[in-house]
Every structure is written in C-alpha cells, then in structure tokens.
Amino acid sequence: MKKLLVATALLSTTLLSGCIVAVSDGEMRHYNSWPAKHQENRDKISELALGTSYKEVTKEFGTPDFNEAISKDGHTYQVLYFATNRKHADGQITKDECTPLVFKNNQLVGFGQSAVDTYL
C-alpha cells in the first residue's frame, strides 16, 4: 500500500507540474523593441531622397504614428510622423517623439520640424 501511495504521489507531481507554452502574434515583441523600431525609422529617414513618392515611403515605413493633410495655395501637403526618439516612459507615442516627413503633391519635400515650418 505504501508503494502505491508513493507511486501515486510521484505520478501526480509529474502530471501536475505541467508545461507552459507561449503563443504570440509578435505584438509583444514589437512593444518590447521600441528602441530598435525607433533606430530603424531613423536609419530609413537618413536614407530618404527628396522627391520620393508618398506611396514608396508608406510601403517602406508602413503606417505612420500620426498623419496630417492640408490643402494650401493649390497644393496638397501631407505630413507623416514616425516615432524616432522616445522621450516619455508612458507607453504612448506623441508627436514630439516623432520625425515628420512632409509631402507636397505626393512627393517628399523635406523632413524634420524645419520642413514643417517651411511648408506649413
């Protein structure tokens, strides 16, 4: 009887110890790699050429963190903001943590705050 109890206890311990399997769609990895994503955006921005089309940029960068558009003097201006520098440890992206890319009639005309100040 004692052997049966010991065997049952050992078997129960093995069965109850279980196994944990983590399944992820990559979202957590993205969240944890903000510094890497910001560096990636800075690298991509540093390689941009003026005149690059809006479509090419969005294909390369994906969805911007912020997006603004305005029509002025017969031209359409669009500003895409991509996170490049985390300043606040609140888990939220704000415009002051982003680099703006300015498009005039779907062509890149500048990036950075000076481009926004010049065109808008």
PDB file of N, CA and C in Angstrom:
ATOM      1  N   MET A   1       0.826  -1.191   0.000  1.00  0.00           N
ATOM      2  CA  MET A   1       0.000   0.000   0.000  1.00  0.00           C
ATOM      3  C   MET A   1       0.868   1.251   0.000  1.00  0.00           C
ATOM      4  N   LYS A   2       1.967   1.187   0.784  1.00  0.00           N
ATOM      5  CA  LYS A   2       2.851   2.338   0.880  1.00  0.00           C
ATOM      6  C   LYS A   2       3.489   2.634  -0.483  1.00  0.00           C
ATOM      7  N   LYS A   3       3.859   1.567  -1.209  1.00  0.00           N
ATOM      8  CA  LYS A   3       4.452   1.728  -2.529  1.00  0.00           C
ATOM      9  C   LYS A   3       3.455   2.359  -3.490  1.00  0.00           C
ATOM     10  N   LEU A   4       2.194   1.970  -3.387  1.00  0.00           N
ATOM     11  CA  LEU A   4       1.153   2.519  -4.243  1.00  0.00           C
ATOM     12  C   LEU A   4       0.962   4.007  -3.984  1.00  0.00           C
ATOM     13  N   LEU A   5       0.990   4.426  -2.714  1.00  0.00           N
ATOM     14  CA  LEU A   5       0.868   5.834  -2.362  1.00  0.00           C
ATOM     15  C   LEU A   5       2.048   6.650  -2.890  1.00  0.00           C
ATOM     16  N   VAL A   6       3.251   6.120  -2.761  1.00  0.00           N
ATOM     17  CA  VAL A   6       4.448   6.806  -3.249  1.00  0.00           C
ATOM     18  C   VAL A   6       4.384   6.925  -4.760  1.00  0.00           C
ATOM     19  N   ALA A   7       4.006   5.876  -5.444  1.00  0.00           N
ATOM     20  CA  ALA A   7       3.901   5.884  -6.904  1.00  0.00           C
ATOM     21  C   ALA A   7       2.841   6.897  -7.349  1.00  0.00           C
ATOM     22  N   THR A   8       1.721   6.926  -6.660  1.00  0.00           N
ATOM     23  CA  THR A   8       0.649   7.869  -6.988  1.00  0.00           C
ATOM     24  C   THR A   8       1.110   9.304  -6.769  1.00  0.00           C
ATOM     25  N   ALA A   9       1.821   9.535  -5.678  1.00  0.00           N
ATOM     26  CA  ALA A   9       2.322  10.887  -5.385  1.00  0.00           C
ATOM     27  C   ALA A   9       3.316  11.335  -6.448  1.00  0.00           C
ATOM     28  N   LEU A  10       4.229  10.461  -6.836  1.00  0.00           N
ATOM     29  CA  LEU A  10       5.204  10.797  -7.871  1.00  0.00           C
ATOM     30  C   LEU A  10       4.521  11.062  -9.207  1.00  0.00           C
ATOM     31  N   LEU A  11       3.567  10.230  -9.566  1.00  0.00           N
ATOM     32  CA  LEU A  11       2.839  10.394 -10.819  1.00  0.00           C
ATOM     33  C   LEU A  11       2.030  11.687 -10.807  1.00  0.00           C
ATOM     34  N   SER A  12       1.392  11.976  -9.696  1.00  0.00           N
ATOM     35  CA  SER A  12       0.603  13.205  -9.573  1.00  0.00           C
ATOM     36  C   SER A  12       1.490  14.437  -9.704  1.00  0.00           C
ATOM     37  N   THR A  13       2.641  14.400  -9.069  1.00  0.00           N
ATOM     38  CA  THR A  13       3.578  15.527  -9.142  1.00  0.00           C
ATOM     39  C   THR A  13       3.997  15.772 -10.580  1.00  0.00           C
ATOM     40  N   THR A  14       4.287  14.716 -11.297  1.00  0.00           N
ATOM     41  CA  THR A  14       4.704  14.837 -12.696  1.00  0.00           C
ATOM     42  C   THR A  14       3.572  15.393 -13.547  1.00  0.00           C
ATOM     43  N   LEU A  15       2.392  14.882 -13.334  1.00  0.00           N
ATOM     44  CA  LEU A  15       1.254  15.335 -14.137  1.00  0.00           C
ATOM     45  C   LEU A  15       0.850  16.767 -13.816  1.00  0.00           C
ATOM     46  N   LEU A  16       0.964  17.154 -12.548  1.00  0.00           N
ATOM     47  CA  LEU A  16       0.533  18.480 -12.141  1.00  0.00           C
ATOM     48  C   LEU A  16       1.574  19.561 -12.429  1.00  0.00           C
ATOM     49  N   SER A  17       2.814  19.177 -12.679  1.00  0.00           N
ATOM     50  CA  SER A  17       3.846  20.188 -12.934  1.00  0.00           C
ATOM     51  C   SER A  17       3.566  20.926 -14.233  1.00  0.00           C
ATOM     52  N   GLY A  18       3.003  20.256 -15.193  1.00  0.00           N
ATOM     53  CA  GLY A  18       2.557  20.888 -16.419  1.00  0.00           C
ATOM     54  C   GLY A  18       3.661  21.473 -17.267  1.00  0.00           C
ATOM     55  N   CYS A  19       3.217  22.232 -18.221  1.00  0.00           N
ATOM     56  CA  CYS A  19       4.116  22.827 -19.196  1.00  0.00           C
ATOM     57  C   CYS A  19       3.450  24.110 -19.672  1.00  0.00           C
ATOM     58  N   ILE A  20       4.224  25.148 -19.843  1.00  0.00           N
ATOM     59  CA  ILE A  20       3.668  26.415 -20.324  1.00  0.00           C
ATOM     60  C   ILE A  20       4.139  26.641 -21.749  1.00  0.00           C
ATOM     61  N   VAL A  21       3.197  26.926 -22.608  1.00  0.00           N
ATOM     62  CA  VAL A  21       3.518  27.218 -24.000  1.00  0.00           C
ATOM     63  C   VAL A  21       3.068  28.643 -24.276  1.00  0.00           C
ATOM     64  N   ALA A  22       3.979  29.480 -24.732  1.00  0.00           N
ATOM     65  CA  ALA A  22       3.634  30.869 -25.043  1.00  0.00           C
ATOM     66  C   ALA A  22       3.422  31.002 -26.536  1.00  0.00           C
ATOM     67  N   VAL A  23       2.293  31.576 -26.892  1.00  0.00           N
ATOM     68  CA  VAL A  23       1.973  31.804 -28.293  1.00  0.00           C
ATOM     69  C   VAL A  23       1.788  33.303 -28.474  1.00  0.00           C
ATOM     70  N   SER A  24       2.412  33.857 -29.506  1.00  0.00           N
ATOM     71  CA  SER A  24       2.332  35.300 -29.718  1.00  0.00           C
ATOM     72  C   SER A  24       2.226  35.605 -31.193  1.00  0.00           C
ATOM     73  N   ASP A  25       1.543  36.684 -31.504  1.00  0.00           N
ATOM     74  CA  ASP A  25       1.468  37.130 -32.895  1.00  0.00           C
ATOM     75  C   ASP A  25       2.564  38.142 -33.194  1.00  0.00           C
ATOM     76  N   GLY A  26       3.514  38.303 -32.283  1.00  0.00           N
ATOM     77  CA  GLY A  26       4.618  39.238 -32.483  1.00  0.00           C
ATOM     78  C   GLY A  26       4.360  40.598 -31.867  1.00  0.00           C
ATOM     79  N   GLU A  27       3.149  40.865 -31.421  1.00  0.00           N
ATOM     80  CA  GLU A  27       2.810  42.184 -30.887  1.00  0.00           C
ATOM     81  C   GLU A  27       3.646  42.527 -29.664  1.00  0.00           C
ATOM     82  N   MET A  28       3.842  41.595 -28.773  1.00  0.00           N
ATOM     83  CA  MET A  28       4.634  41.865 -27.578  1.00  0.00           C
ATOM     84  C   MET A  28       6.084  42.138 -27.956  1.00  0.00           C
ATOM     85  N   ARG A  29       6.599  41.402 -28.921  1.00  0.00           N
ATOM     86  CA  ARG A  29       7.968  41.621 -29.374  1.00  0.00           C
ATOM     87  C   ARG A  29       8.105  43.042 -29.899  1.00  0.00           C
ATOM     88  N   HIS A  30       7.115  43.495 -30.652  1.00  0.00           N
ATOM     89  CA  HIS A  30       7.134  44.860 -31.179  1.00  0.00           C
ATOM     90  C   HIS A  30       7.154  45.872 -30.036  1.00  0.00           C
ATOM     91  N   TYR A  31       6.316  45.651 -29.034  1.00  0.00           N
ATOM     92  CA  TYR A  31       6.241  46.567 -27.902  1.00  0.00           C
ATOM     93  C   TYR A  31       7.588  46.646 -27.180  1.00  0.00           C
ATOM     94  N   ASN A  32       8.227  45.492 -26.994  1.00  0.00           N
ATOM     95  CA  ASN A  32       9.489  45.452 -26.271  1.00  0.00           C
ATOM     96  C   ASN A  32      10.659  45.965 -27.088  1.00  0.00           C
ATOM     97  N   SER A  33      10.475  46.156 -28.376  1.00  0.00           N
ATOM     98  CA  SER A  33      11.592  46.566 -29.212  1.00  0.00           C
ATOM     99  C   SER A  33      11.420  47.998 -29.723  1.00  0.00           C
ATOM    100  N   TRP A  34      10.772  48.852 -28.938  1.00  0.00           N
ATOM    101  CA  TRP A  34      10.617  50.244 -29.360  1.00  0.00           C
ATOM    102  C   TRP A  34      11.946  50.901 -29.695  1.00  0.00           C
ATOM    103  N   PRO A  35      12.968  50.753 -28.867  1.00  0.00           N
ATOM    104  CA  PRO A  35      14.240  51.381 -29.240  1.00  0.00           C
ATOM    105  C   PRO A  35      14.747  50.898 -30.596  1.00  0.00           C
ATOM    106  N   ALA A  36      14.577  49.622 -30.879  1.00  0.00           N
ATOM    107  CA  ALA A  36      15.013  49.080 -32.174  1.00  0.00           C
ATOM    108  C   ALA A  36      14.177  49.663 -33.308  1.00  0.00           C
ATOM    109  N   LYS A  37      12.873  49.783 -33.104  1.00  0.00           N
ATOM    110  CA  LYS A  37      11.986  50.352 -34.136  1.00  0.00           C
ATOM    111  C   LYS A  37      12.329  51.814 -34.372  1.00  0.00           C
ATOM    112  N   HIS A  38      12.590  52.561 -33.317  1.00  0.00           N
ATOM    113  CA  HIS A  38      12.955  53.975 -33.455  1.00  0.00           C
ATOM    114  C   HIS A  38      14.265  54.106 -34.224  1.00  0.00           C
ATOM    115  N   GLN A  39      15.227  53.249 -33.920  1.00  0.00           N
ATOM    116  CA  GLN A  39      16.507  53.276 -34.640  1.00  0.00           C
ATOM    117  C   GLN A  39      16.292  52.922 -36.109  1.00  0.00           C
ATOM    118  N   GLU A  40      15.456  51.941 -36.356  1.00  0.00           N
ATOM    119  CA  GLU A  40      15.143  51.544 -37.738  1.00  0.00           C
ATOM    120  C   GLU A  40      14.530  52.720 -38.501  1.00  0.00           C
ATOM    121  N   ASN A  41      13.593  53.436 -37.874  1.00  0.00           N
ATOM    122  CA  ASN A  41      12.981  54.601 -38.526  1.00  0.00           C
ATOM    123  C   ASN A  41      14.015  55.692 -38.790  1.00  0.00           C
ATOM    124  N   ARG A  42      14.904  55.946 -37.824  1.00  0.00           N
ATOM    125  CA  ARG A  42      15.956  56.950 -38.032  1.00  0.00           C
ATOM    126  C   ARG A  42      16.856  56.562 -39.196  1.00  0.00           C
ATOM    127  N   ASP A  43      17.218  55.283 -39.266  1.00  0.00           N
ATOM    128  CA  ASP A  43      18.059  54.806 -40.360  1.00  0.00           C
ATOM    129  C   ASP A  43      17.368  54.986 -41.705  1.00  0.00           C
ATOM    130  N   LYS A  44      16.097  54.633 -41.776  1.00  0.00           N
ATOM    131  CA  LYS A  44      15.346  54.766 -43.032  1.00  0.00           C
ATOM    132  C   LYS A  44      15.225  56.234 -43.439  1.00  0.00           C
ATOM    133  N   ILE A  45      14.943  57.099 -42.475  1.00  0.00           N
ATOM    134  CA  ILE A  45      14.796  58.527 -42.768  1.00  0.00           C
ATOM    135  C   ILE A  45      16.109  59.093 -43.287  1.00  0.00           C
ATOM    136  N   SER A  46      17.219  58.671 -42.717  1.00  0.00           N
ATOM    137  CA  SER A  46      18.522  59.202 -43.144  1.00  0.00           C
ATOM    138  C   SER A  46      18.851  58.817 -44.586  1.00  0.00           C
ATOM    139  N   GLU A  47      18.198  57.786 -45.102  1.00  0.00           N
ATOM    140  CA  GLU A  47      18.455  57.337 -46.468  1.00  0.00           C
ATOM    141  C   GLU A  47      17.442  57.869 -47.477  1.00  0.00           C
ATOM    142  N   LEU A  48      16.432  58.599 -47.002  1.00  0.00           N
ATOM    143  CA  LEU A  48      15.403  59.108 -47.919  1.00  0.00           C
ATOM    144  C   LEU A  48      15.955  60.185 -48.848  1.00  0.00           C
ATOM    145  N   ALA A  49      15.488  60.151 -50.062  1.00  0.00           N
ATOM    146  CA  ALA A  49      15.849  61.181 -51.038  1.00  0.00           C
ATOM    147  C   ALA A  49      14.644  62.079 -51.267  1.00  0.00           C
ATOM    148  N   LEU A  50      14.892  63.374 -51.352  1.00  0.00           N
ATOM    149  CA  LEU A  50      13.799  64.289 -51.684  1.00  0.00           C
ATOM    150  C   LEU A  50      13.240  63.881 -53.036  1.00  0.00           C
ATOM    151  N   GLY A  51      11.933  64.004 -53.181  1.00  0.00           N
ATOM    152  CA  GLY A  51      11.270  63.594 -54.413  1.00  0.00           C
ATOM    153  C   GLY A  51      10.714  62.184 -54.363  1.00  0.00           C
ATOM    154  N   THR A  52      11.042  61.439 -53.299  1.00  0.00           N
ATOM    155  CA  THR A  52      10.492  60.097 -53.145  1.00  0.00           C
ATOM    156  C   THR A  52       8.975  60.205 -53.024  1.00  0.00           C
ATOM    157  N   SER A  53       8.269  59.292 -53.653  1.00  0.00           N
ATOM    158  CA  SER A  53       6.808  59.375 -53.646  1.00  0.00           C
ATOM    159  C   SER A  53       6.231  58.951 -52.295  1.00  0.00           C
ATOM    160  N   TYR A  54       5.063  59.476 -52.022  1.00  0.00           N
ATOM    161  CA  TYR A  54       4.317  59.126 -50.810  1.00  0.00           C
ATOM    162  C   TYR A  54       4.121  57.617 -50.742  1.00  0.00           C
ATOM    163  N   LYS A  55       3.763  57.028 -51.864  1.00  0.00           N
ATOM    164  CA  LYS A  55       3.494  55.595 -51.928  1.00  0.00           C
ATOM    165  C   LYS A  55       4.746  54.774 -51.591  1.00  0.00           C
ATOM    166  N   GLU A  56       5.894  55.170 -52.103  1.00  0.00           N
ATOM    167  CA  GLU A  56       7.145  54.462 -51.808  1.00  0.00           C
ATOM    168  C   GLU A  56       7.475  54.539 -50.317  1.00  0.00           C
ATOM    169  N   VAL A  57       7.292  55.715 -49.743  1.00  0.00           N
ATOM    170  CA  VAL A  57       7.613  55.891 -48.328  1.00  0.00           C
ATOM    171  C   VAL A  57       6.690  55.045 -47.450  1.00  0.00           C
ATOM    172  N   THR A  58       5.401  55.078 -47.712  1.00  0.00           N
ATOM    173  CA  THR A  58       4.477  54.301 -46.885  1.00  0.00           C
ATOM    174  C   THR A  58       4.688  52.796 -47.078  1.00  0.00           C
ATOM    175  N   LYS A  59       5.120  52.409 -48.251  1.00  0.00           N
ATOM    176  CA  LYS A  59       5.435  50.987 -48.472  1.00  0.00           C
ATOM    177  C   LYS A  59       6.648  50.583 -47.636  1.00  0.00           C
ATOM    178  N   GLU A  60       7.636  51.445 -47.552  1.00  0.00           N
ATOM    179  CA  GLU A  60       8.865  51.161 -46.802  1.00  0.00           C
ATOM    180  C   GLU A  60       8.650  51.259 -45.286  1.00  0.00           C
ATOM    181  N   PHE A  61       7.903  52.277 -44.843  1.00  0.00           N
ATOM    182  CA  PHE A  61       7.756  52.549 -43.410  1.00  0.00           C
ATOM    183  C   PHE A  61       6.526  51.902 -42.792  1.00  0.00           C
ATOM    184  N   GLY A  62       5.511  51.663 -43.573  1.00  0.00           N
ATOM    185  CA  GLY A  62       4.259  51.166 -43.014  1.00  0.00           C
ATOM    186  C   GLY A  62       3.391  52.319 -42.533  1.00  0.00           C
ATOM    187  N   THR A  63       2.483  52.031 -41.644  1.00  0.00           N
ATOM    188  CA  THR A  63       1.543  53.025 -41.140  1.00  0.00           C
ATOM    189  C   THR A  63       2.249  54.015 -40.224  1.00  0.00           C
ATOM    190  N   PRO A  64       2.049  55.321 -40.472  1.00  0.00           N
ATOM    191  CA  PRO A  64       2.685  56.321 -39.602  1.00  0.00           C
ATOM    192  C   PRO A  64       2.017  56.367 -38.235  1.00  0.00           C
ATOM    193  N   ASP A  65       2.741  56.931 -37.272  1.00  0.00           N
ATOM    194  CA  ASP A  65       2.167  57.102 -35.943  1.00  0.00           C
ATOM    195  C   ASP A  65       1.139  58.221 -35.938  1.00  0.00           C
ATOM    196  N   PHE A  66       1.350  59.241 -36.774  1.00  0.00           N
ATOM    197  CA  PHE A  66       0.398  60.336 -36.958  1.00  0.00           C
ATOM    198  C   PHE A  66       0.408  60.708 -38.434  1.00  0.00           C
ATOM    199  N   ASN A  67      -0.704  61.269 -38.882  1.00  0.00           N
ATOM    200  CA  ASN A  67      -0.843  61.631 -40.285  1.00  0.00           C
ATOM    201  C   ASN A  67      -1.699  62.894 -40.363  1.00  0.00           C
ATOM    202  N   GLU A  68      -1.202  63.907 -41.053  1.00  0.00           N
ATOM    203  CA  GLU A  68      -1.956  65.146 -41.222  1.00  0.00           C
ATOM    204  C   GLU A  68      -1.933  65.545 -42.689  1.00  0.00           C
ATOM    205  N   ALA A  69      -2.956  66.253 -43.125  1.00  0.00           N
ATOM    206  CA  ALA A  69      -3.003  66.725 -44.510  1.00  0.00           C
ATOM    207  C   ALA A  69      -3.665  68.093 -44.544  1.00  0.00           C
ATOM    208  N   ILE A  70      -3.235  68.895 -45.516  1.00  0.00           N
ATOM    209  CA  ILE A  70      -3.804  70.226 -45.690  1.00  0.00           C
ATOM    210  C   ILE A  70      -3.656  70.630 -47.152  1.00  0.00           C
ATOM    211  N   SER A  71      -4.598  71.415 -47.623  1.00  0.00           N
ATOM    212  CA  SER A  71      -4.517  71.991 -48.962  1.00  0.00           C
ATOM    213  C   SER A  71      -4.188  73.470 -48.790  1.00  0.00           C
ATOM    214  N   LYS A  72      -3.138  73.927 -49.470  1.00  0.00           N
ATOM    215  CA  LYS A  72      -2.686  75.310 -49.297  1.00  0.00           C
ATOM    216  C   LYS A  72      -2.133  75.824 -50.627  1.00  0.00           C
ATOM    217  N   ASP A  73      -2.616  76.966 -51.051  1.00  0.00           N
ATOM    218  CA  ASP A  73      -2.148  77.603 -52.285  1.00  0.00           C
ATOM    219  C   ASP A  73      -2.195  76.657 -53.484  1.00  0.00           C
ATOM    220  N   GLY A  74      -3.239  75.861 -53.562  1.00  0.00           N
ATOM    221  CA  GLY A  74      -3.411  74.957 -54.694  1.00  0.00           C
ATOM    222  C   GLY A  74      -2.580  73.688 -54.627  1.00  0.00           C
ATOM    223  N   HIS A  75      -1.908  73.444 -53.530  1.00  0.00           N
ATOM    224  CA  HIS A  75      -1.096  72.240 -53.371  1.00  0.00           C
ATOM    225  C   HIS A  75      -1.613  71.429 -52.187  1.00  0.00           C
ATOM    226  N   THR A  76      -1.440  70.119 -52.275  1.00  0.00           N
ATOM    227  CA  THR A  76      -1.811  69.246 -51.170  1.00  0.00           C
ATOM    228  C   THR A  76      -0.542  68.886 -50.405  1.00  0.00           C
ATOM    229  N   TYR A  77      -0.586  69.135 -49.110  1.00  0.00           N
ATOM    230  CA  TYR A  77       0.541  68.795 -48.235  1.00  0.00           C
ATOM    231  C   TYR A  77       0.095  67.693 -47.283  1.00  0.00           C
ATOM    232  N   GLN A  78       0.968  66.726 -47.104  1.00  0.00           N
ATOM    233  CA  GLN A  78       0.692  65.663 -46.156  1.00  0.00           C
ATOM    234  C   GLN A  78       1.935  65.501 -45.287  1.00  0.00           C
ATOM    235  N   VAL A  79       1.699  65.321 -43.993  1.00  0.00           N
ATOM    236  CA  VAL A  79       2.797  65.137 -43.051  1.00  0.00           C
ATOM    237  C   VAL A  79       2.599  63.799 -42.350  1.00  0.00           C
ATOM    238  N   LEU A  80       3.597  62.939 -42.490  1.00  0.00           N
ATOM    239  CA  LEU A  80       3.595  61.655 -41.807  1.00  0.00           C
ATOM    240  C   LEU A  80       4.593  61.728 -40.662  1.00  0.00           C
ATOM    241  N   TYR A  81       4.193  61.255 -39.513  1.00  0.00           N
ATOM    242  CA  TYR A  81       5.059  61.275 -38.333  1.00  0.00           C
ATOM    243  C   TYR A  81       5.424  59.842 -37.960  1.00  0.00           C
ATOM    244  N   PHE A  82       6.725  59.580 -37.855  1.00  0.00           N
ATOM    245  CA  PHE A  82       7.213  58.265 -37.460  1.00  0.00           C
ATOM    246  C   PHE A  82       8.043  58.384 -36.188  1.00  0.00           C
ATOM    247  N   ALA A  83       7.792  57.501 -35.244  1.00  0.00           N
ATOM    248  CA  ALA A  83       8.492  57.524 -33.958  1.00  0.00           C
ATOM    249  C   ALA A  83       9.987  57.286 -34.167  1.00  0.00           C
ATOM    250  N   THR A  84      10.798  58.188 -33.596  1.00  0.00           N
ATOM    251  CA  THR A  84      12.250  58.082 -33.740  1.00  0.00           C
ATOM    252  C   THR A  84      13.002  58.306 -32.434  1.00  0.00           C
ATOM    253  N   ASN A  85      12.326  58.795 -31.400  1.00  0.00           N
ATOM    254  CA  ASN A  85      13.043  59.124 -30.174  1.00  0.00           C
ATOM    255  C   ASN A  85      12.079  59.130 -28.991  1.00  0.00           C
ATOM    256  N   ARG A  86      12.144  58.104 -28.175  1.00  0.00           N
ATOM    257  CA  ARG A  86      11.250  58.016 -27.016  1.00  0.00           C
ATOM    258  C   ARG A  86      11.691  59.005 -25.947  1.00  0.00           C
ATOM    259  N   LYS A  87      10.763  59.856 -25.536  1.00  0.00           N
ATOM    260  CA  LYS A  87      11.049  60.851 -24.505  1.00  0.00           C
ATOM    261  C   LYS A  87      10.275  60.595 -23.223  1.00  0.00           C
ATOM    262  N   HIS A  88       9.115  59.981 -23.347  1.00  0.00           N
ATOM    263  CA  HIS A  88       8.231  59.768 -22.201  1.00  0.00           C
ATOM    264  C   HIS A  88       8.076  58.266 -21.966  1.00  0.00           C
ATOM    265  N   ALA A  89       8.222  57.836 -20.756  1.00  0.00           N
ATOM    266  CA  ALA A  89       8.109  56.414 -20.420  1.00  0.00           C
ATOM    267  C   ALA A  89       6.674  56.042 -20.062  1.00  0.00           C
ATOM    268  N   ASP A  90       5.715  56.563 -20.839  1.00  0.00           N
ATOM    269  CA  ASP A  90       4.317  56.314 -20.532  1.00  0.00           C
ATOM    270  C   ASP A  90       3.677  55.274 -21.451  1.00  0.00           C
ATOM    271  N   GLY A  91       4.451  54.729 -22.388  1.00  0.00           N
ATOM    272  CA  GLY A  91       3.914  53.720 -23.295  1.00  0.00           C
ATOM    273  C   GLY A  91       3.135  54.291 -24.463  1.00  0.00           C
ATOM    274  N   GLN A  92       3.034  55.605 -24.555  1.00  0.00           N
ATOM    275  CA  GLN A  92       2.308  56.256 -25.642  1.00  0.00           C
ATOM    276  C   GLN A  92       3.288  57.015 -26.531  1.00  0.00           C
ATOM    277  N   ILE A  93       3.008  57.030 -27.821  1.00  0.00           N
ATOM    278  CA  ILE A  93       3.816  57.806 -28.761  1.00  0.00           C
ATOM    279  C   ILE A  93       3.171  59.184 -28.905  1.00  0.00           C
ATOM    280  N   THR A  94       3.977  60.230 -28.810  1.00  0.00           N
ATOM    281  CA  THR A  94       3.500  61.592 -29.023  1.00  0.00           C
ATOM    282  C   THR A  94       4.284  62.201 -30.177  1.00  0.00           C
ATOM    283  N   LYS A  95       3.773  63.274 -30.741  1.00  0.00           N
ATOM    284  CA  LYS A  95       4.418  63.892 -31.903  1.00  0.00           C
ATOM    285  C   LYS A  95       5.835  64.362 -31.608  1.00  0.00           C
ATOM    286  N   ASP A  96       6.092  64.777 -30.366  1.00  0.00           N
ATOM    287  CA  ASP A  96       7.448  65.235 -30.043  1.00  0.00           C
ATOM    288  C   ASP A  96       8.447  64.075 -29.984  1.00  0.00           C
ATOM    289  N   GLU A  97       7.966  62.852 -30.116  1.00  0.00           N
ATOM    290  CA  GLU A  97       8.828  61.682 -30.177  1.00  0.00           C
ATOM    291  C   GLU A  97       8.975  61.177 -31.616  1.00  0.00           C
ATOM    292  N   CYS A  98       8.458  61.945 -32.552  1.00  0.00           N
ATOM    293  CA  CYS A  98       8.430  61.540 -33.955  1.00  0.00           C
ATOM    294  C   CYS A  98       9.191  62.517 -34.846  1.00  0.00           C
ATOM    295  N   THR A  99       9.574  62.033 -36.016  1.00  0.00           N
ATOM    296  CA  THR A  99      10.147  62.882 -37.058  1.00  0.00           C
ATOM    297  C   THR A  99       9.092  63.027 -38.147  1.00  0.00           C
ATOM    298  N   PRO A 100       8.738  64.270 -38.499  1.00  0.00           N
ATOM    299  CA  PRO A 100       7.744  64.474 -39.546  1.00  0.00           C
ATOM    300  C   PRO A 100       8.378  64.390 -40.945  1.00  0.00           C
ATOM    301  N   LEU A 101       7.646  63.791 -41.876  1.00  0.00           N
ATOM    302  CA  LEU A 101       8.023  63.748 -43.285  1.00  0.00           C
ATOM    303  C   LEU A 101       6.980  64.558 -44.032  1.00  0.00           C
ATOM    304  N   VAL A 102       7.409  65.562 -44.785  1.00  0.00           N
ATOM    305  CA  VAL A 102       6.486  66.476 -45.458  1.00  0.00           C
ATOM    306  C   VAL A 102       6.437  66.159 -46.951  1.00  0.00           C
ATOM    307  N   PHE A 103       5.220  65.966 -47.453  1.00  0.00           N
ATOM    308  CA  PHE A 103       4.987  65.690 -48.872  1.00  0.00           C
ATOM    309  C   PHE A 103       4.194  66.833 -49.479  1.00  0.00           C
ATOM    310  N   LYS A 104       4.585  67.248 -50.655  1.00  0.00           N
ATOM    311  CA  LYS A 104       3.846  68.247 -51.419  1.00  0.00           C
ATOM    312  C   LYS A 104       3.420  67.559 -52.698  1.00  0.00           C
ATOM    313  N   ASN A 105       2.114  67.471 -52.909  1.00  0.00           N
ATOM    314  CA  ASN A 105       1.564  66.789 -54.083  1.00  0.00           C
ATOM    315  C   ASN A 105       2.166  65.386 -54.234  1.00  0.00           C
ATOM    316  N   ASN A 106       2.207  64.647 -53.134  1.00  0.00           N
ATOM    317  CA  ASN A 106       2.661  63.254 -53.082  1.00  0.00           C
ATOM    318  C   ASN A 106       4.153  63.045 -53.317  1.00  0.00           C
ATOM    319  N   GLN A 107       4.957  64.095 -53.210  1.00  0.00           N
ATOM    320  CA  GLN A 107       6.408  63.969 -53.337  1.00  0.00           C
ATOM    321  C   GLN A 107       7.057  64.497 -52.063  1.00  0.00           C
ATOM    322  N   LEU A 108       8.041  63.773 -51.549  1.00  0.00           N
ATOM    323  CA  LEU A 108       8.736  64.190 -50.339  1.00  0.00           C
ATOM    324  C   LEU A 108       9.518  65.471 -50.610  1.00  0.00           C
ATOM    325  N   VAL A 109       9.223  66.516 -49.828  1.00  0.00           N
ATOM    326  CA  VAL A 109       9.928  67.800 -49.995  1.00  0.00           C
ATOM    327  C   VAL A 109      10.811  68.117 -48.789  1.00  0.00           C
ATOM    328  N   GLY A 110      10.694  67.351 -47.717  1.00  0.00           N
ATOM    329  CA  GLY A 110      11.539  67.587 -46.555  1.00  0.00           C
ATOM    330  C   GLY A 110      11.110  66.750 -45.380  1.00  0.00           C
ATOM    331  N   PHE A 111      11.964  66.718 -44.357  1.00  0.00           N
ATOM    332  CA  PHE A 111      11.615  66.034 -43.117  1.00  0.00           C
ATOM    333  C   PHE A 111      12.227  66.785 -41.953  1.00  0.00           C
ATOM    334  N   GLY A 112      11.642  66.574 -40.787  1.00  0.00           N
ATOM    335  CA  GLY A 112      12.054  67.298 -39.597  1.00  0.00           C
ATOM    336  C   GLY A 112      11.167  68.520 -39.386  1.00  0.00           C
ATOM    337  N   GLN A 113      11.288  69.124 -38.211  1.00  0.00           N
ATOM    338  CA  GLN A 113      10.438  70.259 -37.863  1.00  0.00           C
ATOM    339  C   GLN A 113      10.672  71.445 -38.779  1.00  0.00           C
ATOM    340  N   SER A 114      11.893  71.634 -39.267  1.00  0.00           N
ATOM    341  CA  SER A 114      12.169  72.758 -40.168  1.00  0.00           C
ATOM    342  C   SER A 114      11.384  72.625 -41.462  1.00  0.00           C
ATOM    343  N   ALA A 115      11.172  71.422 -41.948  1.00  0.00           N
ATOM    344  CA  ALA A 115      10.369  71.209 -43.159  1.00  0.00           C
ATOM    345  C   ALA A 115       8.897  71.584 -42.897  1.00  0.00           C
ATOM    346  N   VAL A 116       8.398  71.194 -41.724  1.00  0.00           N
ATOM    347  CA  VAL A 116       7.018  71.552 -41.368  1.00  0.00           C
ATOM    348  C   VAL A 116       6.900  73.066 -41.290  1.00  0.00           C
ATOM    349  N   ASP A 117       7.858  73.720 -40.645  1.00  0.00           N
ATOM    350  CA  ASP A 117       7.821  75.177 -40.502  1.00  0.00           C
ATOM    351  C   ASP A 117       7.915  75.880 -41.853  1.00  0.00           C
ATOM    352  N   THR A 118       8.677  75.332 -42.771  1.00  0.00           N
ATOM    353  CA  THR A 118       8.850  75.950 -44.095  1.00  0.00           C
ATOM    354  C   THR A 118       7.592  75.837 -44.949  1.00  0.00           C
ATOM    355  N   TYR A 119       6.988  74.666 -44.971  1.00  0.00           N
ATOM    356  CA  TYR A 119       5.868  74.425 -45.887  1.00  0.00           C
ATOM    357  C   TYR A 119       4.502  74.679 -45.278  1.00  0.00           C
ATOM    358  N   LEU A 120       4.385  74.598 -43.986  1.00  0.00           N
ATOM    359  CA  LEU A 120       3.065  74.740 -43.386  1.00  0.00           C
ATOM    360  C   LEU A 120       3.116  75.854 -42.407  1.00  0.00           C
TER     361      LEU A 120
END
